[in-house]
Each structure stands twice: as C-alpha cells, then as structure tokens.
Protein backbone atom coordinates (compact mmCIF):
# COMPACT_ATOMS: atom_id res chain seq x y z
CA MET A 1 93.43 167.89 93.16
CA THR A 2 95.78 170.60 94.34
CA ASN A 3 97.38 172.92 91.75
CA THR A 4 101.14 173.08 92.01
CA PRO A 5 102.97 176.22 90.63
CA VAL A 6 105.14 175.61 87.59
CA GLY A 7 108.73 174.82 88.52
CA GLU A 8 107.93 173.60 91.98
CA SER A 9 107.75 170.12 93.28
CA PRO A 10 104.75 168.88 95.28
CA ALA A 11 104.94 169.64 98.88
CA THR A 12 106.35 166.95 101.12
CA PRO A 13 104.12 166.20 104.11
CA VAL A 14 105.76 167.24 107.34
CA LEU A 15 105.07 164.93 110.36
CA LEU A 16 104.37 167.13 113.35
CA ALA A 17 104.70 165.79 116.93
CA THR A 18 101.31 165.50 118.52
CA PRO A 19 101.26 167.67 121.58
CA GLY A 20 101.51 165.58 124.71
CA ALA A 21 102.62 162.42 122.86
CA PRO A 22 105.69 160.71 124.47
CA ARG A 23 108.87 161.15 122.57
CA ARG A 24 110.77 158.16 121.44
CA ARG A 25 114.03 157.72 123.26
CA ALA A 26 117.15 157.41 121.27
CA LEU A 27 118.98 154.08 121.63
CA PRO A 28 121.96 154.23 123.80
CA SER A 29 125.35 154.10 122.05
CA PHE A 30 126.82 150.66 121.51
CA GLN A 31 129.28 149.45 124.17
CA SER A 32 130.96 146.12 124.06
CA ASN A 33 132.85 146.67 127.42
CA LEU A 34 135.89 145.00 125.99
CA LEU A 35 138.29 146.68 128.38
CA THR A 36 136.09 145.71 131.39
CA ALA A 37 135.98 142.01 130.09
CA VAL A 38 139.72 142.01 129.74
CA ALA A 39 140.11 143.32 133.38
CA PHE A 40 137.73 140.67 134.62
CA ALA A 41 139.59 137.91 132.77
CA ILE A 42 142.91 139.02 134.32
CA ALA A 43 141.27 139.02 137.77
CA ALA A 44 139.81 135.63 137.19
CA VAL A 45 143.20 134.23 136.23
CA ILE A 46 144.75 135.73 139.33
CA CYS A 47 142.06 134.33 141.57
CA ALA A 48 142.55 130.86 140.00
CA THR A 49 146.26 131.04 140.45
CA VAL A 50 146.08 132.02 144.12
CA GLU A 51 143.53 129.32 144.79
CA TRP A 52 145.59 126.64 143.17
CA TRP A 53 148.81 127.80 144.93
CA LEU A 54 147.15 127.73 148.40
CA LEU A 55 145.46 124.36 147.74
CA ILE A 56 149.03 122.98 146.98
CA TYR A 57 150.08 124.68 150.20
CA PHE A 58 147.33 122.97 152.08
CA ASP A 59 148.04 119.64 150.53
CA ALA A 60 151.64 119.83 151.61
CA SER A 61 150.39 120.04 155.28
CA LEU A 62 148.46 116.79 155.10
CA VAL A 63 149.61 113.73 156.99
CA LEU A 64 147.01 111.36 155.52
CA SER A 65 147.43 108.20 153.59
CA GLY A 66 145.38 105.64 151.76
CA ALA A 67 141.70 106.24 151.09
CA GLU A 68 141.60 109.41 153.26
CA LEU A 69 144.33 111.05 151.15
CA ILE A 70 142.56 110.05 147.96
CA VAL A 71 139.26 111.64 149.14
CA CYS A 72 140.95 114.77 150.31
CA ARG A 73 142.77 115.26 147.04
CA GLY A 74 139.53 114.65 145.10
CA VAL A 75 137.96 117.50 147.08
CA GLU A 76 140.93 119.68 146.30
CA ILE A 77 140.68 118.95 142.64
CA PHE A 78 136.96 119.76 142.66
CA LEU A 79 137.65 123.08 144.49
CA GLY A 80 140.49 123.86 142.10
CA LEU A 81 138.09 123.50 139.19
CA VAL A 82 136.11 126.43 140.68
CA GLY A 83 139.03 128.74 140.09
CA GLY A 84 139.53 127.22 136.59
CA THR A 85 135.86 127.82 135.73
CA ALA A 86 136.23 131.46 136.83
CA ALA A 87 139.17 131.85 134.45
CA TRP A 88 137.25 130.18 131.65
CA TYR A 89 134.34 132.52 132.11
CA GLY A 90 136.78 135.50 132.05
CA ILE A 91 138.13 134.34 128.73
CA LEU A 92 134.61 133.76 127.46
CA ALA A 93 133.64 137.35 128.36
CA VAL A 94 136.59 138.67 126.31
CA THR A 95 135.69 136.62 123.31
CA ARG A 96 132.05 137.60 123.44
CA ALA A 97 132.99 141.33 123.72
CA LEU A 98 135.26 140.93 120.65
CA SER A 99 132.39 139.23 118.77
CA ALA A 100 130.10 142.15 119.83
CA ASN A 101 132.54 144.60 118.30
CA ARG A 102 132.77 142.67 115.03
CA LEU A 103 129.01 142.45 114.77
CA ALA A 104 128.54 146.15 115.46
CA ALA A 105 131.21 147.06 112.93
CA GLY A 106 129.64 144.68 110.41
CA GLY A 107 126.35 146.53 110.37
CA ALA A 108 124.50 144.43 112.93
CA PRO A 109 124.26 146.60 116.07
CA SER A 110 121.33 144.76 117.52
CA ALA A 111 123.12 141.43 117.39
CA GLY A 112 126.18 143.15 118.79
CA ARG A 113 124.17 144.38 121.79
CA VAL A 114 122.89 140.89 122.37
CA ARG A 115 126.46 139.57 122.36
CA ALA A 116 127.59 142.37 124.64
CA GLU A 117 124.87 141.24 127.15
CA ASP A 118 126.23 137.76 126.96
CA ALA A 119 129.69 139.10 127.77
CA ARG A 120 128.18 140.89 130.84
CA ASP A 121 126.61 137.63 131.97
CA ALA A 122 129.99 136.00 131.71
CA MET A 123 131.53 138.75 133.84
CA TRP A 124 128.90 138.15 136.54
CA PHE A 125 129.90 134.50 136.56
CA VAL A 126 133.46 135.61 137.03
CA VAL A 127 132.43 137.69 140.06
CA GLY A 128 130.65 134.76 141.76
CA LEU A 129 133.15 132.08 140.93
CA GLY A 130 136.15 134.36 141.62
CA LEU A 131 134.96 135.29 145.04
CA THR A 132 134.33 131.57 145.73
CA ALA A 133 137.87 130.76 144.65
CA LEU A 134 139.28 133.45 146.98
CA ILE A 135 137.21 132.15 149.93
CA VAL A 136 138.45 128.66 149.26
CA ALA A 137 142.00 129.91 149.04
CA PHE A 138 141.68 131.71 152.40
CA ILE A 139 140.26 128.65 154.07
CA ALA A 140 143.00 126.48 152.62
CA PHE A 141 145.60 128.96 153.99
CA LEU A 142 144.08 128.84 157.46
CA LEU A 143 143.83 125.03 157.47
CA GLY A 144 147.31 124.55 156.13
CA ALA A 145 149.19 127.21 158.20
CA ASN A 146 151.61 126.08 160.85
CA HIS A 147 151.46 122.45 159.52
CA GLY A 148 147.74 122.33 159.90
CA ALA A 149 147.66 123.35 163.55
CA LEU A 150 144.15 124.91 163.35
CA ARG A 151 142.90 121.81 161.59
CA THR A 152 144.17 119.66 164.41
CA VAL A 153 142.79 121.91 167.21
CA MET A 154 139.31 122.59 165.85
CA PHE A 155 138.37 120.09 163.17
CA ASP A 156 139.66 116.69 164.34
CA PHE A 157 136.74 114.32 163.65
CA GLY A 158 138.33 111.72 165.79
CA TYR A 159 137.58 113.71 168.85
CA MET A 160 134.06 114.45 167.60
CA TRP A 161 133.35 110.82 167.09
CA ARG A 162 134.57 109.91 170.59
CA GLY A 163 132.00 112.23 172.12
CA HIS A 164 129.15 111.94 169.59
CA ASN A 165 126.89 110.06 171.98
CA ALA A 166 127.29 112.56 174.70
CA LEU A 167 126.70 115.42 172.15
CA LEU A 168 123.59 113.71 170.66
CA HIS A 169 122.06 113.16 174.15
CA ALA A 170 122.77 116.66 175.08
CA PHE A 171 121.43 118.12 171.85
CA TRP A 172 118.15 116.35 172.66
CA LEU A 173 117.83 118.65 175.71
CA ASN A 174 118.28 121.75 173.43
CA LEU A 175 115.39 120.46 171.24
CA LYS A 176 113.24 120.03 174.36
CA ILE A 177 113.91 123.56 175.54
CA PHE A 178 113.17 124.87 172.03
CA ALA A 179 109.93 122.93 171.63
CA VAL A 180 108.52 123.96 174.98
CA THR A 181 109.62 127.54 174.72
CA GLN A 182 108.33 127.94 171.19
CA VAL A 183 104.83 126.92 172.12
CA LEU A 184 104.77 129.29 175.09
CA VAL A 185 106.26 132.11 173.06
CA LEU A 186 103.61 131.90 170.30
CA ALA A 187 100.76 132.07 172.85
CA TRP A 188 102.31 134.70 175.11
CA ALA A 189 103.45 136.97 172.30
CA LEU A 190 100.00 136.94 170.68
CA LEU A 191 98.43 137.97 174.03
CA VAL A 192 100.88 140.88 174.35
CA ALA A 193 100.31 142.03 170.74
CA VAL A 194 96.50 141.95 171.21
CA VAL A 195 96.80 143.93 174.43
CA ARG A 196 98.91 146.57 172.77
CA LEU A 197 96.21 147.04 170.16
CA LEU A 198 93.25 147.38 172.59
CA PRO A 199 91.36 150.60 171.76
CA GLY A 200 90.11 153.32 174.19
CA ARG A 201 91.46 155.28 177.04
CA ALA A 202 90.29 152.65 179.60
CA CYS A 203 92.88 150.23 178.17
CA ALA A 204 95.74 152.71 178.30
CA PRO A 205 97.23 151.13 181.59
CA VAL A 206 97.44 147.67 180.15
CA ARG A 207 98.78 148.94 176.87
CA THR A 208 101.49 150.73 178.79
CA LEU A 209 102.40 147.57 180.65
CA ALA A 210 102.71 145.75 177.30
CA ILE A 211 104.91 148.53 175.89
CA VAL A 212 107.19 148.51 178.94
CA TYR A 213 107.47 144.74 178.75
CA THR A 214 108.52 144.67 175.07
CA ASP A 215 110.89 147.63 175.45
CA VAL A 216 112.69 146.03 178.45
CA PHE A 217 113.08 142.45 177.21
CA ARG A 218 113.98 143.61 173.69
CA GLY A 219 116.67 145.85 175.13
CA VAL A 220 118.33 143.37 177.58
CA PRO A 221 120.56 140.66 176.06
CA ALA A 222 119.14 137.20 176.29
CA ILE A 223 122.24 135.86 178.00
CA ILE A 224 121.84 138.35 180.88
CA VAL A 225 118.13 137.50 181.26
CA ILE A 226 118.96 133.78 181.50
CA TYR A 227 121.67 134.49 183.98
CA LEU A 228 119.51 136.60 186.24
CA VAL A 229 116.36 134.42 185.95
CA VAL A 230 117.94 130.97 186.39
CA LEU A 231 120.47 131.80 189.02
CA GLY A 232 118.41 134.53 190.72
CA PHE A 233 115.27 132.41 191.09
CA GLY A 234 117.35 129.47 192.13
CA LEU A 235 119.22 131.35 194.85
CA ALA A 236 116.10 133.03 196.11
CA ARG A 237 114.19 129.78 196.26
CA VAL A 238 111.20 131.19 194.51
CA PRO A 239 108.03 129.11 195.37
CA GLY A 240 107.07 126.76 192.68
CA PHE A 241 110.68 126.19 191.57
CA ASP A 242 112.37 125.35 194.85
CA SER A 243 110.67 121.99 195.19
CA MET A 244 112.01 120.82 191.80
CA SER A 245 115.16 118.77 191.17
CA LYS A 246 118.17 120.81 190.03
CA ASP A 247 117.92 119.73 186.40
CA ASN A 248 114.17 120.42 186.21
CA GLN A 249 114.57 123.68 187.95
CA ILE A 250 117.24 124.87 185.47
CA PHE A 251 115.10 123.57 182.60
CA TRP A 252 111.89 125.34 183.49
CA LEU A 253 113.77 128.61 184.51
CA ALA A 254 115.67 128.60 181.22
CA VAL A 255 112.33 128.17 179.44
CA LEU A 256 110.91 131.04 181.38
CA ALA A 257 113.83 133.34 180.58
CA LEU A 258 113.74 132.54 176.82
CA THR A 259 109.95 132.93 176.76
CA LEU A 260 110.28 136.41 178.28
CA VAL A 261 112.98 137.48 175.79
CA TYR A 262 111.45 136.00 172.61
CA GLY A 263 107.88 136.84 173.66
CA ALA A 264 108.88 140.49 173.32
CA TYR A 265 110.37 140.04 169.88
CA VAL A 266 107.59 137.85 168.48
CA SER A 267 104.84 140.24 169.98
CA GLU A 268 106.18 142.94 167.74
CA VAL A 269 106.02 140.51 164.70
CA TYR A 270 102.42 139.77 165.63
CA ARG A 271 101.59 143.44 166.14
CA ALA A 272 102.94 144.31 162.65
CA GLY A 273 100.86 141.54 161.07
CA LEU A 274 97.67 142.59 162.90
CA GLU A 275 98.08 146.23 161.93
CA SER A 276 98.67 145.18 158.28
CA ILE A 277 95.11 143.90 158.08
CA HIS A 278 92.94 146.69 156.54
CA TRP A 279 90.55 148.28 159.05
CA SER A 280 87.60 147.49 156.76
CA GLN A 281 87.98 143.76 157.65
CA ALA A 282 87.36 144.44 161.25
CA ALA A 283 84.56 147.01 160.48
CA ALA A 284 82.76 144.44 158.29
CA ALA A 285 83.02 141.87 161.02
CA ARG A 286 81.66 144.20 163.67
CA SER A 287 78.77 145.25 161.38
CA LEU A 288 77.82 141.56 161.18
CA GLY A 289 77.51 141.48 164.93
CA LEU A 290 80.82 140.05 166.01
CA SER A 291 82.34 141.27 169.21
CA GLN A 292 85.83 142.70 169.45
CA TRP A 293 87.35 139.39 170.55
CA GLN A 294 85.36 137.36 167.98
CA THR A 295 86.60 139.74 165.26
CA LEU A 296 90.19 139.20 166.43
CA ARG A 297 89.81 135.49 166.70
CA HIS A 298 87.83 134.69 163.47
CA VAL A 299 88.85 137.57 161.03
CA VAL A 300 91.94 139.48 161.95
CA VAL A 301 94.31 136.96 163.58
CA PRO A 302 93.94 134.23 160.99
CA GLN A 303 94.79 136.66 158.21
CA ALA A 304 97.70 138.21 160.13
CA VAL A 305 99.30 134.80 161.00
CA ARG A 306 99.48 133.89 157.32
CA ARG A 307 101.29 137.07 156.52
CA ILE A 308 103.81 136.84 159.35
CA LEU A 309 104.57 133.10 159.12
CA PRO A 310 108.10 133.68 157.58
CA PRO A 311 109.25 136.13 160.16
CA LEU A 312 107.91 133.86 162.90
CA LEU A 313 109.89 131.00 161.57
CA ASN A 314 113.00 133.28 161.45
CA ASP A 315 112.56 133.95 165.12
CA ALA A 316 112.10 130.22 165.66
CA VAL A 317 115.57 129.62 164.06
CA ALA A 318 117.05 132.23 166.33
CA LEU A 319 115.45 130.69 169.43
CA GLN A 320 116.75 127.25 168.53
CA LYS A 321 120.29 128.55 168.43
CA ASP A 322 119.96 130.62 171.61
CA THR A 323 119.14 127.53 173.62
CA ALA A 324 122.90 127.04 173.73
CA LEU A 325 123.08 130.13 176.01
CA THR A 326 121.67 127.93 178.85
CA SER A 327 125.07 126.44 179.17
CA ILE A 328 126.30 129.52 181.22
CA VAL A 329 124.04 128.45 184.08
CA GLY A 330 125.35 124.95 184.29
CA TYR A 331 122.87 123.17 182.11
CA VAL A 332 124.52 120.30 180.27
CA GLU A 333 123.00 120.82 176.84
CA VAL A 334 125.04 120.34 173.70
CA LEU A 335 127.42 123.33 174.29
CA GLY A 336 127.82 122.34 177.89
CA ALA A 337 128.62 118.74 176.91
CA ALA A 338 131.09 119.97 174.22
CA GLN A 339 132.85 122.12 176.83
CA LEU A 340 133.26 119.11 179.10
CA LEU A 341 134.72 117.11 176.24
CA LYS A 342 136.95 120.04 175.33
CA ASN A 343 138.38 120.10 178.87
CA LYS A 344 138.80 116.35 178.74
CA TYR A 345 140.72 116.14 175.42
CA PHE A 346 142.15 119.70 175.53
CA ASN A 347 140.79 120.15 171.97
CA LEU A 348 138.02 122.30 170.46
CA SER A 349 136.83 119.80 167.92
CA PRO A 350 133.83 118.71 170.21
CA VAL A 351 132.72 122.37 170.12
CA PHE A 352 132.81 122.29 166.38
CA GLY A 353 130.77 119.06 166.50
CA ALA A 354 128.14 120.91 168.58
CA ALA A 355 127.94 123.57 165.86
CA LEU A 356 127.30 120.84 163.29
CA PHE A 357 124.26 119.64 165.28
CA PHE A 358 122.76 123.12 165.12
CA LEU A 359 123.42 123.36 161.40
CA VAL A 360 121.63 120.16 160.74
CA ILE A 361 118.51 121.77 162.17
CA THR A 362 118.83 125.47 161.20
CA ILE A 363 119.89 125.09 157.47
CA PRO A 364 116.78 123.02 156.49
CA PHE A 365 114.67 125.32 158.61
CA THR A 366 116.09 128.43 156.89
CA ARG A 367 115.54 126.98 153.46
CA PHE A 368 111.97 126.23 154.44
CA VAL A 369 111.53 129.86 155.47
CA ASP A 370 112.89 130.97 152.05
CA PHE A 371 110.51 128.59 150.26
CA LEU A 372 107.52 130.15 152.27
CA LEU A 373 108.72 133.70 151.38
CA LYS A 374 108.93 132.77 147.66
CA ARG A 375 105.51 131.16 147.77
CA ASP A 376 104.02 134.13 149.41
CA LYS A 377 105.56 136.51 146.89
CA GLN A 378 104.25 134.41 143.98
CA ARG A 379 100.75 134.42 145.52
CA THR A 380 100.68 138.24 146.20
CA GLN A 381 102.16 139.12 142.79
CA GLY A 382 100.05 136.80 140.70
CA GLY A 383 102.65 134.02 140.16
CA SER A 384 105.38 136.32 138.92
C-alpha cells in the first residue's frame, strides 16, 4: 500500500501513449450537405421540366393514329417518368439531409452521419437519372425538330422493312467474312507473338520481321489496307486470285486484308499474355525435359490464353464491325446493300437498319465479354 501525504489526493494514473503505437484519428466533423442536396433537387426539377417540355414538343410533331399513337405515347410517358423520378430523388435528398441535421442536433451524431450518407446516395441517383432525362430531352428535340424531318429521313421503319430480306442476306456475308477471318487471325497472331518472343541472337532477324509487321499494320488504317489489297491484287491479277470469280476474289482478298490488320493487333494481345506468365513456369517445364516448343504449347500458351480471353473477344467485336469496310471495294455486304436501298428510296433508313443488324450481334457479345471480365476478377481476387 502506498502512503499518501496528508491533504493530497491519491495520484490519478496517467495513460501514456506507447511509442510507435498508431494514433487514433479524430472523427471528421459532421456534414449533412444540405445546401448541396438543395442544389441537386433544383437541378433535378429543371432536368425533369426540360424533358417533359421537349417530349411534348416531340409529340406535337407526330402524324400517327390508332395503335401506333397509343404505343408512342406510352413510351413518352415512361420516359417522362425518368425525369419525375430524378426530381423525386432530389426532394428525397433534401429531406434526408434535414433529418441528418435534426439527428445530429438531438445528440445522435452517428445516426446523423448514416442519414447524411443516405442523402448522398439519393444525390447520386439524381446524377444518373438527371443525365438520362437530359439525353432523352436532346433526342426528343432532334426527332421532333422541323416537323420530324430527321425521323423521316433516318428512322422510317417502312423503308427498313421493304429491304429487310436484302439486308439479312447481305449481313450473312458479313458473318462469313468475320468467321473465316477470326479463325485465321487467332492462328496467325499467335505465330507472330511466339516469333517475337524467341530468345537468342540467332532469332533476331525473324523477331525484327515480326516487329516490322506489327508496327506497319497497326499504323495503317484498316480501310486503306482493304482498299490496297482488294483492288491492288485484283488489278495486278495476282496468281491464285485471278482464277476466282469476282465475288470469291473480293471475299478472300477482304479476308486477307482484315487478317493482316487484326493479326497485328491480336499478336500484341497474345504477346502481353505470354509475357505475363512467370518465368518460373517455363523454367520448371524445361527442367522436366520439355523442349522450348513443348513448353510453349503445353505450359505457357494455355495459361496465357485464359488470361487474354476478354481482350481477344473485344478484338473480335471490333473485327465483326469492320467487316462493313469491305463495302468500299464493291462487296455487297450489309452496308453495301443498305447503300443500294438508300439510292433506290432516297432515304437513309436502310443504313440505320444495317446498324441494327450489327447491334444484334455486338451488344450480346460485349455483355459476354463483361461477364468474363467479372468472372476472372472474382477468381483472381478470391470471390470478392
């Protein structure tokens, strides 16, 4: 027991900070962001008002009747609700910010911070829905301007339907070019990538050739390569192509041109994937007695392909779209057929119809790529 002098109280223990221990951070000051919420609410109301006004402007340009008019106005009402929802979230942000202030003033700062976060979430909804409302308003203005002239010139589904058989048959040619080219690109690009990674001074000449090839065909636009290869080889009567019919000649020369261009791009994707495999994988394979080519075939390439599958599919989407470039050399694929219909009807709606054919393929393909990226991220990050 410690003796305490008369008239003095027992010493109060003093908590000393342990050297090297992390200091506890002070909580940030409470902020309800009420003024920001009010500004967002006002902006949301303005966006909704602009959208509604321009939807009414668009509706006045319609010359429809019956079921078509009912469907169109149903779509207008649905799109108008987007602006109304943005305004509602703006008001909700203000009410949540006010509630956060009341909770903080009433001695519950933690609950106030939670409510303030709810207000910020509502403001993010205002951003997304407000921008959507402005985009809808802009499109409504374009389609309704000049008594719907743009709508008549570009989006007349009557003209699209008249030429849908020709467009469908022509789009089949696009798919054929894409399928044949994609197979050739995957094989050719892998060969180029492997050549670029060959070790040793003796392989320097072939590595240089591969580097020159990728630099040239990545630097020249695809449309120029198609123009030069298809028309140049055709006019020069290059052996092997001169005996073909005109359509077959254009088809295979277009495939050659696209293979040269996309082979250069995809070879770089392959090379990045091959170089991402740790050197110890190849070293372990060589120590087991595998040759250089066996190591590439059985160890390195299979791992690399799994890693680069999403970017490979992205290049496949780009290739599928670029098959439309073959129309510049007279090949009647979907864009060429759309141009013929455009000249026949003096209307651009068939060209928009051709764009829809590409969207039917590319949008699901793109979503599939996103799914693969998400799955790969979950696998590499332990399901996070």
